[in-house]
């Protein structure tokens, strides 16, 4: 006996069935919460038209620093492991790489 699974898409606004070619996925965020809409091209145009004045008035936030480590932690680790690192300024990439490798191994990441 054969089995076939079929994925059917429906417009989140009007519940009309959509083919994969008709599907438009809209991802957006409001107040820090992320949302996803599966809609037709027509409803996507309505969404973008409704959002347009808000988007034009808004500004993009400054990028947050996403450094996965604290420089003070790297400096302390480096001193404990025989690396010479200045108290201020740029930490050499080789030291950061060694720290991150040791951190991943210690935490089994």
PDB file of N, CA and C in Angstrom:
ATOM      1  N   UNK A   1       0.845  -1.177   0.000  1.00  0.00           N
ATOM      2  CA  UNK A   1       0.000   0.000   0.000  1.00  0.00           C
ATOM      3  C   UNK A   1       0.887   1.236   0.000  1.00  0.00           C
ATOM      4  N   UNK A   2       0.622   2.131  -0.892  1.00  0.00           N
ATOM      5  CA  UNK A   2       1.399   3.370  -0.987  1.00  0.00           C
ATOM      6  C   UNK A   2       0.753   4.449  -0.133  1.00  0.00           C
ATOM      7  N   UNK A   3       1.576   5.373   0.270  1.00  0.00           N
ATOM      8  CA  UNK A   3       1.084   6.481   1.082  1.00  0.00           C
ATOM      9  C   UNK A   3       1.614   7.768   0.491  1.00  0.00           C
ATOM     10  N   UNK A   4       0.763   8.759   0.398  1.00  0.00           N
ATOM     11  CA  UNK A   4       1.181  10.058  -0.112  1.00  0.00           C
ATOM     12  C   UNK A   4       0.672  11.130   0.841  1.00  0.00           C
ATOM     13  N   UNK A   5       1.588  11.988   1.253  1.00  0.00           N
ATOM     14  CA  UNK A   5       1.202  13.104   2.104  1.00  0.00           C
ATOM     15  C   UNK A   5       1.212  14.366   1.255  1.00  0.00           C
ATOM     16  N   UNK A   6       0.172  15.156   1.405  1.00  0.00           N
ATOM     17  CA  UNK A   6       0.029  16.369   0.619  1.00  0.00           C
ATOM     18  C   UNK A   6      -0.036  17.550   1.575  1.00  0.00           C
ATOM     19  N   UNK A   7       0.781  18.549   1.319  1.00  0.00           N
ATOM     20  CA  UNK A   7       0.739  19.772   2.109  1.00  0.00           C
ATOM     21  C   UNK A   7      -0.142  20.769   1.379  1.00  0.00           C
ATOM     22  N   UNK A   8      -1.128  21.271   2.067  1.00  0.00           N
ATOM     23  CA  UNK A   8      -2.035  22.260   1.479  1.00  0.00           C
ATOM     24  C   UNK A   8      -1.844  23.568   2.230  1.00  0.00           C
ATOM     25  N   UNK A   9      -1.660  24.649   1.497  1.00  0.00           N
ATOM     26  CA  UNK A   9      -1.509  25.967   2.095  1.00  0.00           C
ATOM     27  C   UNK A   9      -2.845  26.697   2.046  1.00  0.00           C
ATOM     28  N   UNK A  10      -3.125  27.467   3.097  1.00  0.00           N
ATOM     29  CA  UNK A  10      -4.323  28.283   3.145  1.00  0.00           C
ATOM     30  C   UNK A  10      -3.936  29.694   3.547  1.00  0.00           C
ATOM     31  N   UNK A  11      -4.602  30.667   2.951  1.00  0.00           N
ATOM     32  CA  UNK A  11      -4.365  32.066   3.268  1.00  0.00           C
ATOM     33  C   UNK A  11      -4.804  32.322   4.703  1.00  0.00           C
ATOM     34  N   UNK A  12      -3.911  32.899   5.502  1.00  0.00           N
ATOM     35  CA  UNK A  12      -4.229  33.147   6.909  1.00  0.00           C
ATOM     36  C   UNK A  12      -5.303  34.213   7.103  1.00  0.00           C
ATOM     37  N   UNK A  13      -5.552  35.041   6.099  1.00  0.00           N
ATOM     38  CA  UNK A  13      -6.579  36.077   6.240  1.00  0.00           C
ATOM     39  C   UNK A  13      -7.961  35.600   5.822  1.00  0.00           C
ATOM     40  N   UNK A  14      -8.061  34.978   4.670  1.00  0.00           N
ATOM     41  CA  UNK A  14      -9.388  34.596   4.174  1.00  0.00           C
ATOM     42  C   UNK A  14      -9.602  33.088   4.058  1.00  0.00           C
ATOM     43  N   UNK A  15      -8.611  32.308   4.491  1.00  0.00           N
ATOM     44  CA  UNK A  15      -8.670  30.846   4.517  1.00  0.00           C
ATOM     45  C   UNK A  15      -8.847  30.208   3.137  1.00  0.00           C
ATOM     46  N   UNK A  16      -8.554  30.946   2.078  1.00  0.00           N
ATOM     47  CA  UNK A  16      -8.655  30.367   0.738  1.00  0.00           C
ATOM     48  C   UNK A  16      -7.453  29.466   0.480  1.00  0.00           C
ATOM     49  N   UNK A  17      -7.660  28.357  -0.255  1.00  0.00           N
ATOM     50  CA  UNK A  17      -6.537  27.463  -0.545  1.00  0.00           C
ATOM     51  C   UNK A  17      -5.549  28.130  -1.494  1.00  0.00           C
ATOM     52  N   UNK A  18      -4.262  27.841  -1.300  1.00  0.00           N
ATOM     53  CA  UNK A  18      -3.207  28.416  -2.131  1.00  0.00           C
ATOM     54  C   UNK A  18      -2.310  27.306  -2.649  1.00  0.00           C
ATOM     55  N   UNK A  19      -1.864  27.457  -3.873  1.00  0.00           N
ATOM     56  CA  UNK A  19      -0.826  26.564  -4.369  1.00  0.00           C
ATOM     57  C   UNK A  19       0.511  27.102  -3.863  1.00  0.00           C
ATOM     58  N   UNK A  20       1.546  26.325  -4.001  1.00  0.00           N
ATOM     59  CA  UNK A  20       2.866  26.777  -3.563  1.00  0.00           C
ATOM     60  C   UNK A  20       3.307  28.009  -4.347  1.00  0.00           C
ATOM     61  N   UNK A  21       2.908  28.094  -5.615  1.00  0.00           N
ATOM     62  CA  UNK A  21       3.265  29.257  -6.446  1.00  0.00           C
ATOM     63  C   UNK A  21       2.511  30.508  -6.016  1.00  0.00           C
ATOM     64  N   UNK A  22       1.315  30.355  -5.451  1.00  0.00           N
ATOM     65  CA  UNK A  22       0.506  31.498  -5.025  1.00  0.00           C
ATOM     66  C   UNK A  22       0.888  31.989  -3.620  1.00  0.00           C
ATOM     67  N   UNK A  23       1.579  31.171  -2.882  1.00  0.00           N
ATOM     68  CA  UNK A  23       1.895  31.457  -1.486  1.00  0.00           C
ATOM     69  C   UNK A  23       2.949  32.556  -1.352  1.00  0.00           C
ATOM     70  N   UNK A  24       2.663  33.514  -0.485  1.00  0.00           N
ATOM     71  CA  UNK A  24       3.625  34.537  -0.105  1.00  0.00           C
ATOM     72  C   UNK A  24       3.748  34.478   1.406  1.00  0.00           C
ATOM     73  N   UNK A  25       4.964  34.332   1.895  1.00  0.00           N
ATOM     74  CA  UNK A  25       5.206  34.268   3.333  1.00  0.00           C
ATOM     75  C   UNK A  25       5.724  35.631   3.779  1.00  0.00           C
ATOM     76  N   UNK A  26       5.054  36.199   4.761  1.00  0.00           N
ATOM     77  CA  UNK A  26       5.447  37.499   5.300  1.00  0.00           C
ATOM     78  C   UNK A  26       5.902  37.285   6.733  1.00  0.00           C
ATOM     79  N   UNK A  27       7.113  37.718   7.025  1.00  0.00           N
ATOM     80  CA  UNK A  27       7.644  37.670   8.389  1.00  0.00           C
ATOM     81  C   UNK A  27       7.752  39.111   8.881  1.00  0.00           C
ATOM     82  N   UNK A  28       7.259  39.347  10.100  1.00  0.00           N
ATOM     83  CA  UNK A  28       7.369  40.684  10.658  1.00  0.00           C
ATOM     84  C   UNK A  28       7.424  40.599  12.172  1.00  0.00           C
ATOM     85  N   UNK A  29       7.779  41.707  12.789  1.00  0.00           N
ATOM     86  CA  UNK A  29       7.933  41.759  14.231  1.00  0.00           C
ATOM     87  C   UNK A  29       7.279  43.033  14.751  1.00  0.00           C
ATOM     88  N   UNK A  30       6.576  42.909  15.877  1.00  0.00           N
ATOM     89  CA  UNK A  30       5.963  44.055  16.540  1.00  0.00           C
ATOM     90  C   UNK A  30       6.202  43.898  18.031  1.00  0.00           C
ATOM     91  N   UNK A  31       6.729  44.932  18.653  1.00  0.00           N
ATOM     92  CA  UNK A  31       6.994  44.916  20.097  1.00  0.00           C
ATOM     93  C   UNK A  31       7.822  43.709  20.518  1.00  0.00           C
ATOM     94  N   UNK A  32       8.801  43.359  19.703  1.00  0.00           N
ATOM     95  CA  UNK A  32       9.714  42.268  20.036  1.00  0.00           C
ATOM     96  C   UNK A  32       9.159  40.877  19.803  1.00  0.00           C
ATOM     97  N   UNK A  33       7.934  40.768  19.303  1.00  0.00           N
ATOM     98  CA  UNK A  33       7.337  39.463  19.017  1.00  0.00           C
ATOM     99  C   UNK A  33       7.336  39.255  17.510  1.00  0.00           C
ATOM    100  N   UNK A  34       7.776  38.072  17.096  1.00  0.00           N
ATOM    101  CA  UNK A  34       7.853  37.771  15.676  1.00  0.00           C
ATOM    102  C   UNK A  34       6.584  37.068  15.207  1.00  0.00           C
ATOM    103  N   UNK A  35       6.174  37.394  13.984  1.00  0.00           N
ATOM    104  CA  UNK A  35       4.967  36.825  13.405  1.00  0.00           C
ATOM    105  C   UNK A  35       5.263  36.331  11.994  1.00  0.00           C
ATOM    106  N   UNK A  36       4.402  35.427  11.528  1.00  0.00           N
ATOM    107  CA  UNK A  36       4.534  34.869  10.193  1.00  0.00           C
ATOM    108  C   UNK A  36       3.139  34.756   9.597  1.00  0.00           C
ATOM    109  N   UNK A  37       2.972  35.219   8.389  1.00  0.00           N
ATOM    110  CA  UNK A  37       1.701  35.115   7.668  1.00  0.00           C
ATOM    111  C   UNK A  37       1.920  34.346   6.373  1.00  0.00           C
ATOM    112  N   UNK A  38       1.029  33.414   6.087  1.00  0.00           N
ATOM    113  CA  UNK A  38       0.971  32.762   4.779  1.00  0.00           C
ATOM    114  C   UNK A  38      -0.228  33.367   4.073  1.00  0.00           C
ATOM    115  N   UNK A  39       0.018  34.096   2.997  1.00  0.00           N
ATOM    116  CA  UNK A  39      -1.069  34.790   2.306  1.00  0.00           C
ATOM    117  C   UNK A  39      -0.879  34.738   0.797  1.00  0.00           C
ATOM    118  N   UNK A  40      -1.936  35.112   0.091  1.00  0.00           N
ATOM    119  CA  UNK A  40      -1.873  35.232  -1.365  1.00  0.00           C
ATOM    120  C   UNK A  40      -1.093  36.491  -1.724  1.00  0.00           C
ATOM    121  N   UNK A  41      -0.700  36.595  -2.962  1.00  0.00           N
ATOM    122  CA  UNK A  41       0.014  37.801  -3.413  1.00  0.00           C
ATOM    123  C   UNK A  41      -0.855  39.042  -3.219  1.00  0.00           C
ATOM    124  N   UNK A  42      -2.161  38.912  -3.454  1.00  0.00           N
ATOM    125  CA  UNK A  42      -3.070  40.050  -3.282  1.00  0.00           C
ATOM    126  C   UNK A  42      -3.120  40.509  -1.825  1.00  0.00           C
ATOM    127  N   UNK A  43      -3.229  39.556  -0.897  1.00  0.00           N
ATOM    128  CA  UNK A  43      -3.260  39.926   0.519  1.00  0.00           C
ATOM    129  C   UNK A  43      -1.901  40.426   0.998  1.00  0.00           C
ATOM    130  N   UNK A  44      -0.825  39.938   0.392  1.00  0.00           N
ATOM    131  CA  UNK A  44       0.509  40.462   0.720  1.00  0.00           C
ATOM    132  C   UNK A  44       0.600  41.925   0.306  1.00  0.00           C
ATOM    133  N   UNK A  45       0.051  42.260  -0.864  1.00  0.00           N
ATOM    134  CA  UNK A  45       0.054  43.652  -1.318  1.00  0.00           C
ATOM    135  C   UNK A  45      -0.754  44.528  -0.374  1.00  0.00           C
ATOM    136  N   UNK A  46      -1.892  44.029   0.110  1.00  0.00           N
ATOM    137  CA  UNK A  46      -2.712  44.778   1.067  1.00  0.00           C
ATOM    138  C   UNK A  46      -1.946  45.007   2.367  1.00  0.00           C
ATOM    139  N   UNK A  47      -1.242  43.967   2.828  1.00  0.00           N
ATOM    140  CA  UNK A  47      -0.444  44.085   4.059  1.00  0.00           C
ATOM    141  C   UNK A  47       0.618  45.163   3.891  1.00  0.00           C
ATOM    142  N   UNK A  48       1.365  45.087   2.798  1.00  0.00           N
ATOM    143  CA  UNK A  48       2.447  46.053   2.577  1.00  0.00           C
ATOM    144  C   UNK A  48       1.900  47.471   2.403  1.00  0.00           C
ATOM    145  N   UNK A  49       0.751  47.600   1.747  1.00  0.00           N
ATOM    146  CA  UNK A  49       0.136  48.922   1.584  1.00  0.00           C
ATOM    147  C   UNK A  49      -0.281  49.485   2.942  1.00  0.00           C
ATOM    148  N   UNK A  50      -0.825  48.638   3.800  1.00  0.00           N
ATOM    149  CA  UNK A  50      -1.248  49.092   5.130  1.00  0.00           C
ATOM    150  C   UNK A  50      -0.046  49.465   5.998  1.00  0.00           C
ATOM    151  N   UNK A  51       1.043  48.743   5.844  1.00  0.00           N
ATOM    152  CA  UNK A  51       2.228  48.993   6.656  1.00  0.00           C
ATOM    153  C   UNK A  51       3.081  50.146   6.131  1.00  0.00           C
ATOM    154  N   UNK A  52       2.932  50.479   4.873  1.00  0.00           N
ATOM    155  CA  UNK A  52       3.800  51.463   4.224  1.00  0.00           C
ATOM    156  C   UNK A  52       3.956  52.774   4.997  1.00  0.00           C
ATOM    157  N   UNK A  53       2.869  53.417   5.463  1.00  0.00           N
ATOM    158  CA  UNK A  53       3.080  54.680   6.181  1.00  0.00           C
ATOM    159  C   UNK A  53       3.861  54.506   7.484  1.00  0.00           C
ATOM    160  N   UNK A  54       3.694  53.371   8.133  1.00  0.00           N
ATOM    161  CA  UNK A  54       4.420  53.118   9.378  1.00  0.00           C
ATOM    162  C   UNK A  54       5.891  52.859   9.092  1.00  0.00           C
ATOM    163  N   UNK A  55       6.159  52.109   8.029  1.00  0.00           N
ATOM    164  CA  UNK A  55       7.543  51.812   7.657  1.00  0.00           C
ATOM    165  C   UNK A  55       8.271  53.086   7.254  1.00  0.00           C
ATOM    166  N   UNK A  56       7.581  53.954   6.506  1.00  0.00           N
ATOM    167  CA  UNK A  56       8.204  55.215   6.081  1.00  0.00           C
ATOM    168  C   UNK A  56       8.526  56.120   7.270  1.00  0.00           C
ATOM    169  N   UNK A  57       7.711  56.064   8.325  1.00  0.00           N
ATOM    170  CA  UNK A  57       7.928  56.913   9.497  1.00  0.00           C
ATOM    171  C   UNK A  57       8.929  56.303  10.471  1.00  0.00           C
ATOM    172  N   UNK A  58       9.175  55.014  10.356  1.00  0.00           N
ATOM    173  CA  UNK A  58      10.053  54.319  11.300  1.00  0.00           C
ATOM    174  C   UNK A  58      11.517  54.472  10.908  1.00  0.00           C
ATOM    175  N   UNK A  59      12.392  54.093  11.814  1.00  0.00           N
ATOM    176  CA  UNK A  59      13.824  54.036  11.517  1.00  0.00           C
ATOM    177  C   UNK A  59      14.348  52.693  12.001  1.00  0.00           C
ATOM    178  N   UNK A  60      15.431  52.260  11.427  1.00  0.00           N
ATOM    179  CA  UNK A  60      16.031  50.980  11.802  1.00  0.00           C
ATOM    180  C   UNK A  60      16.903  51.190  13.033  1.00  0.00           C
ATOM    181  N   UNK A  61      16.822  50.296  14.005  1.00  0.00           N
ATOM    182  CA  UNK A  61      17.649  50.459  15.204  1.00  0.00           C
ATOM    183  C   UNK A  61      19.112  50.190  14.901  1.00  0.00           C
ATOM    184  N   UNK A  62      19.968  50.759  15.735  1.00  0.00           N
ATOM    185  CA  UNK A  62      21.398  50.486  15.611  1.00  0.00           C
ATOM    186  C   UNK A  62      21.625  49.013  15.916  1.00  0.00           C
ATOM    187  N   UNK A  63      22.600  48.439  15.247  1.00  0.00           N
ATOM    188  CA  UNK A  63      22.893  47.028  15.485  1.00  0.00           C
ATOM    189  C   UNK A  63      23.458  46.856  16.882  1.00  0.00           C
ATOM    190  N   UNK A  64      22.971  45.815  17.559  1.00  0.00           N
ATOM    191  CA  UNK A  64      23.503  45.489  18.878  1.00  0.00           C
ATOM    192  C   UNK A  64      24.790  44.703  18.696  1.00  0.00           C
ATOM    193  N   UNK A  65      25.680  44.892  19.630  1.00  0.00           N
ATOM    194  CA  UNK A  65      26.916  44.117  19.577  1.00  0.00           C
ATOM    195  C   UNK A  65      26.578  42.682  19.972  1.00  0.00           C
ATOM    196  N   UNK A  66      26.979  41.757  19.144  1.00  0.00           N
ATOM    197  CA  UNK A  66      26.635  40.357  19.389  1.00  0.00           C
ATOM    198  C   UNK A  66      27.878  39.536  19.717  1.00  0.00           C
ATOM    199  N   UNK A  67      28.834  40.167  20.353  1.00  0.00           N
ATOM    200  CA  UNK A  67      30.076  39.480  20.718  1.00  0.00           C
ATOM    201  C   UNK A  67      29.718  38.311  21.644  1.00  0.00           C
ATOM    202  N   UNK A  68      30.120  37.090  21.290  1.00  0.00           N
ATOM    203  CA  UNK A  68      29.756  35.927  22.088  1.00  0.00           C
ATOM    204  C   UNK A  68      30.654  35.700  23.306  1.00  0.00           C
ATOM    205  N   UNK A  69      31.440  36.690  23.657  1.00  0.00           N
ATOM    206  CA  UNK A  69      32.343  36.545  24.801  1.00  0.00           C
ATOM    207  C   UNK A  69      32.582  37.926  25.394  1.00  0.00           C
ATOM    208  N   UNK A  70      33.018  37.935  26.633  1.00  0.00           N
ATOM    209  CA  UNK A  70      33.376  39.194  27.289  1.00  0.00           C
ATOM    210  C   UNK A  70      34.892  39.332  27.226  1.00  0.00           C
ATOM    211  N   UNK A  71      35.387  40.467  26.761  1.00  0.00           N
ATOM    212  CA  UNK A  71      36.830  40.651  26.686  1.00  0.00           C
ATOM    213  C   UNK A  71      37.532  40.404  28.023  1.00  0.00           C
ATOM    214  N   UNK A  72      36.903  40.795  29.130  1.00  0.00           N
ATOM    215  CA  UNK A  72      37.529  40.577  30.441  1.00  0.00           C
ATOM    216  C   UNK A  72      37.711  39.080  30.705  1.00  0.00           C
ATOM    217  N   UNK A  73      36.728  38.279  30.281  1.00  0.00           N
ATOM    218  CA  UNK A  73      36.840  36.823  30.457  1.00  0.00           C
ATOM    219  C   UNK A  73      37.978  36.259  29.616  1.00  0.00           C
ATOM    220  N   UNK A  74      38.112  36.771  28.392  1.00  0.00           N
ATOM    221  CA  UNK A  74      39.189  36.303  27.514  1.00  0.00           C
ATOM    222  C   UNK A  74      40.541  36.677  28.113  1.00  0.00           C
ATOM    223  N   UNK A  75      40.660  37.900  28.614  1.00  0.00           N
ATOM    224  CA  UNK A  75      41.926  38.340  29.209  1.00  0.00           C
ATOM    225  C   UNK A  75      42.290  37.495  30.432  1.00  0.00           C
ATOM    226  N   UNK A  76      41.305  37.208  31.273  1.00  0.00           N
ATOM    227  CA  UNK A  76      41.561  36.385  32.465  1.00  0.00           C
ATOM    228  C   UNK A  76      41.968  34.971  32.054  1.00  0.00           C
ATOM    229  N   UNK A  77      41.264  34.414  31.085  1.00  0.00           N
ATOM    230  CA  UNK A  77      41.596  33.071  30.599  1.00  0.00           C
ATOM    231  C   UNK A  77      43.004  33.063  30.002  1.00  0.00           C
ATOM    232  N   UNK A  78      43.306  34.082  29.184  1.00  0.00           N
ATOM    233  CA  UNK A  78      44.616  34.161  28.528  1.00  0.00           C
ATOM    234  C   UNK A  78      45.735  34.240  29.562  1.00  0.00           C
ATOM    235  N   UNK A  79      45.565  35.059  30.606  1.00  0.00           N
ATOM    236  CA  UNK A  79      46.593  35.185  31.646  1.00  0.00           C
ATOM    237  C   UNK A  79      46.800  33.859  32.372  1.00  0.00           C
ATOM    238  N   UNK A  80      45.703  33.128  32.600  1.00  0.00           N
ATOM    239  CA  UNK A  80      45.793  31.847  33.302  1.00  0.00           C
ATOM    240  C   UNK A  80      46.410  30.752  32.447  1.00  0.00           C
ATOM    241  N   UNK A  81      46.446  30.966  31.133  1.00  0.00           N
ATOM    242  CA  UNK A  81      46.955  29.945  30.223  1.00  0.00           C
ATOM    243  C   UNK A  81      48.230  30.372  29.490  1.00  0.00           C
ATOM    244  N   UNK A  82      48.899  31.366  30.021  1.00  0.00           N
ATOM    245  CA  UNK A  82      50.209  31.738  29.510  1.00  0.00           C
ATOM    246  C   UNK A  82      50.234  32.622  28.273  1.00  0.00           C
ATOM    247  N   UNK A  83      49.137  33.201  27.907  1.00  0.00           N
ATOM    248  CA  UNK A  83      49.121  34.132  26.782  1.00  0.00           C
ATOM    249  C   UNK A  83      49.399  35.530  27.298  1.00  0.00           C
ATOM    250  N   UNK A  84      50.132  36.300  26.518  1.00  0.00           N
ATOM    251  CA  UNK A  84      50.375  37.690  26.887  1.00  0.00           C
ATOM    252  C   UNK A  84      49.378  38.574  26.146  1.00  0.00           C
ATOM    253  N   UNK A  85      48.542  39.244  26.929  1.00  0.00           N
ATOM    254  CA  UNK A  85      47.512  40.110  26.359  1.00  0.00           C
ATOM    255  C   UNK A  85      47.521  41.417  27.130  1.00  0.00           C
ATOM    256  N   UNK A  86      47.491  42.524  26.425  1.00  0.00           N
ATOM    257  CA  UNK A  86      47.468  43.836  27.075  1.00  0.00           C
ATOM    258  C   UNK A  86      46.170  44.009  27.863  1.00  0.00           C
ATOM    259  N   UNK A  87      46.213  44.861  28.877  1.00  0.00           N
ATOM    260  CA  UNK A  87      45.022  45.106  29.687  1.00  0.00           C
ATOM    261  C   UNK A  87      43.946  45.870  28.925  1.00  0.00           C
ATOM    262  N   UNK A  88      44.370  46.561  27.885  1.00  0.00           N
ATOM    263  CA  UNK A  88      43.423  47.338  27.077  1.00  0.00           C
ATOM    264  C   UNK A  88      43.740  47.120  25.613  1.00  0.00           C
ATOM    265  N   UNK A  89      42.797  47.459  24.779  1.00  0.00           N
ATOM    266  CA  UNK A  89      43.017  47.362  23.340  1.00  0.00           C
ATOM    267  C   UNK A  89      42.535  46.044  22.763  1.00  0.00           C
ATOM    268  N   UNK A  90      42.859  45.865  21.492  1.00  0.00           N
ATOM    269  CA  UNK A  90      42.396  44.699  20.759  1.00  0.00           C
ATOM    270  C   UNK A  90      43.091  43.437  21.261  1.00  0.00           C
ATOM    271  N   UNK A  91      42.286  42.407  21.434  1.00  0.00           N
ATOM    272  CA  UNK A  91      42.820  41.098  21.814  1.00  0.00           C
ATOM    273  C   UNK A  91      43.149  40.362  20.523  1.00  0.00           C
ATOM    274  N   UNK A  92      44.329  39.780  20.416  1.00  0.00           N
ATOM    275  CA  UNK A  92      44.688  39.070  19.181  1.00  0.00           C
ATOM    276  C   UNK A  92      43.673  37.967  18.838  1.00  0.00           C
ATOM    277  N   UNK A  93      43.401  37.857  17.561  1.00  0.00           N
ATOM    278  CA  UNK A  93      42.444  36.855  17.085  1.00  0.00           C
ATOM    279  C   UNK A  93      42.842  35.444  17.504  1.00  0.00           C
ATOM    280  N   UNK A  94      44.134  35.156  17.499  1.00  0.00           N
ATOM    281  CA  UNK A  94      44.590  33.815  17.885  1.00  0.00           C
ATOM    282  C   UNK A  94      44.219  33.496  19.332  1.00  0.00           C
ATOM    283  N   UNK A  95      44.256  34.502  20.215  1.00  0.00           N
ATOM    284  CA  UNK A  95      43.899  34.292  21.626  1.00  0.00           C
ATOM    285  C   UNK A  95      42.388  34.083  21.742  1.00  0.00           C
ATOM    286  N   UNK A  96      41.608  34.879  21.013  1.00  0.00           N
ATOM    287  CA  UNK A  96      40.150  34.729  21.039  1.00  0.00           C
ATOM    288  C   UNK A  96      39.758  33.350  20.520  1.00  0.00           C
ATOM    289  N   UNK A  97      40.400  32.916  19.446  1.00  0.00           N
ATOM    290  CA  UNK A  97      40.110  31.597  18.876  1.00  0.00           C
ATOM    291  C   UNK A  97      40.445  30.502  19.880  1.00  0.00           C
ATOM    292  N   UNK A  98      41.589  30.608  20.539  1.00  0.00           N
ATOM    293  CA  UNK A  98      41.976  29.611  21.544  1.00  0.00           C
ATOM    294  C   UNK A  98      40.985  29.602  22.700  1.00  0.00           C
ATOM    295  N   UNK A  99      40.563  30.782  23.146  1.00  0.00           N
ATOM    296  CA  UNK A  99      39.584  30.890  24.234  1.00  0.00           C
ATOM    297  C   UNK A  99      38.270  30.230  23.828  1.00  0.00           C
ATOM    298  N   UNK A 100      37.783  30.561  22.644  1.00  0.00           N
ATOM    299  CA  UNK A 100      36.503  30.001  22.200  1.00  0.00           C
ATOM    300  C   UNK A 100      36.581  28.493  22.032  1.00  0.00           C
ATOM    301  N   UNK A 101      37.698  27.985  21.540  1.00  0.00           N
ATOM    302  CA  UNK A 101      37.884  26.539  21.394  1.00  0.00           C
ATOM    303  C   UNK A 101      37.858  25.884  22.769  1.00  0.00           C
ATOM    304  N   UNK A 102      38.593  26.449  23.713  1.00  0.00           N
ATOM    305  CA  UNK A 102      38.639  25.897  25.072  1.00  0.00           C
ATOM    306  C   UNK A 102      37.253  25.969  25.716  1.00  0.00           C
ATOM    307  N   UNK A 103      36.533  27.071  25.494  1.00  0.00           N
ATOM    308  CA  UNK A 103      35.205  27.250  26.069  1.00  0.00           C
ATOM    309  C   UNK A 103      34.244  26.203  25.498  1.00  0.00           C
ATOM    310  N   UNK A 104      34.287  25.991  24.175  1.00  0.00           N
ATOM    311  CA  UNK A 104      33.405  24.985  23.556  1.00  0.00           C
ATOM    312  C   UNK A 104      33.718  23.598  24.088  1.00  0.00           C
ATOM    313  N   UNK A 105      34.999  23.264  24.210  1.00  0.00           N
ATOM    314  CA  UNK A 105      35.391  21.937  24.701  1.00  0.00           C
ATOM    315  C   UNK A 105      34.968  21.759  26.158  1.00  0.00           C
ATOM    316  N   UNK A 106      35.158  22.787  26.965  1.00  0.00           N
ATOM    317  CA  UNK A 106      34.801  22.696  28.385  1.00  0.00           C
ATOM    318  C   UNK A 106      33.287  22.580  28.581  1.00  0.00           C
ATOM    319  N   UNK A 107      32.531  23.216  27.694  1.00  0.00           N
ATOM    320  CA  UNK A 107      31.068  23.223  27.815  1.00  0.00           C
ATOM    321  C   UNK A 107      30.386  22.275  26.847  1.00  0.00           C
ATOM    322  N   UNK A 108      31.193  21.495  26.131  1.00  0.00           N
ATOM    323  CA  UNK A 108      30.686  20.494  25.173  1.00  0.00           C
ATOM    324  C   UNK A 108      29.664  21.088  24.215  1.00  0.00           C
ATOM    325  N   UNK A 109      30.064  22.222  23.627  1.00  0.00           N
ATOM    326  CA  UNK A 109      29.187  22.917  22.674  1.00  0.00           C
ATOM    327  C   UNK A 109      29.539  22.480  21.273  1.00  0.00           C
TER     328      UNK A 109
END
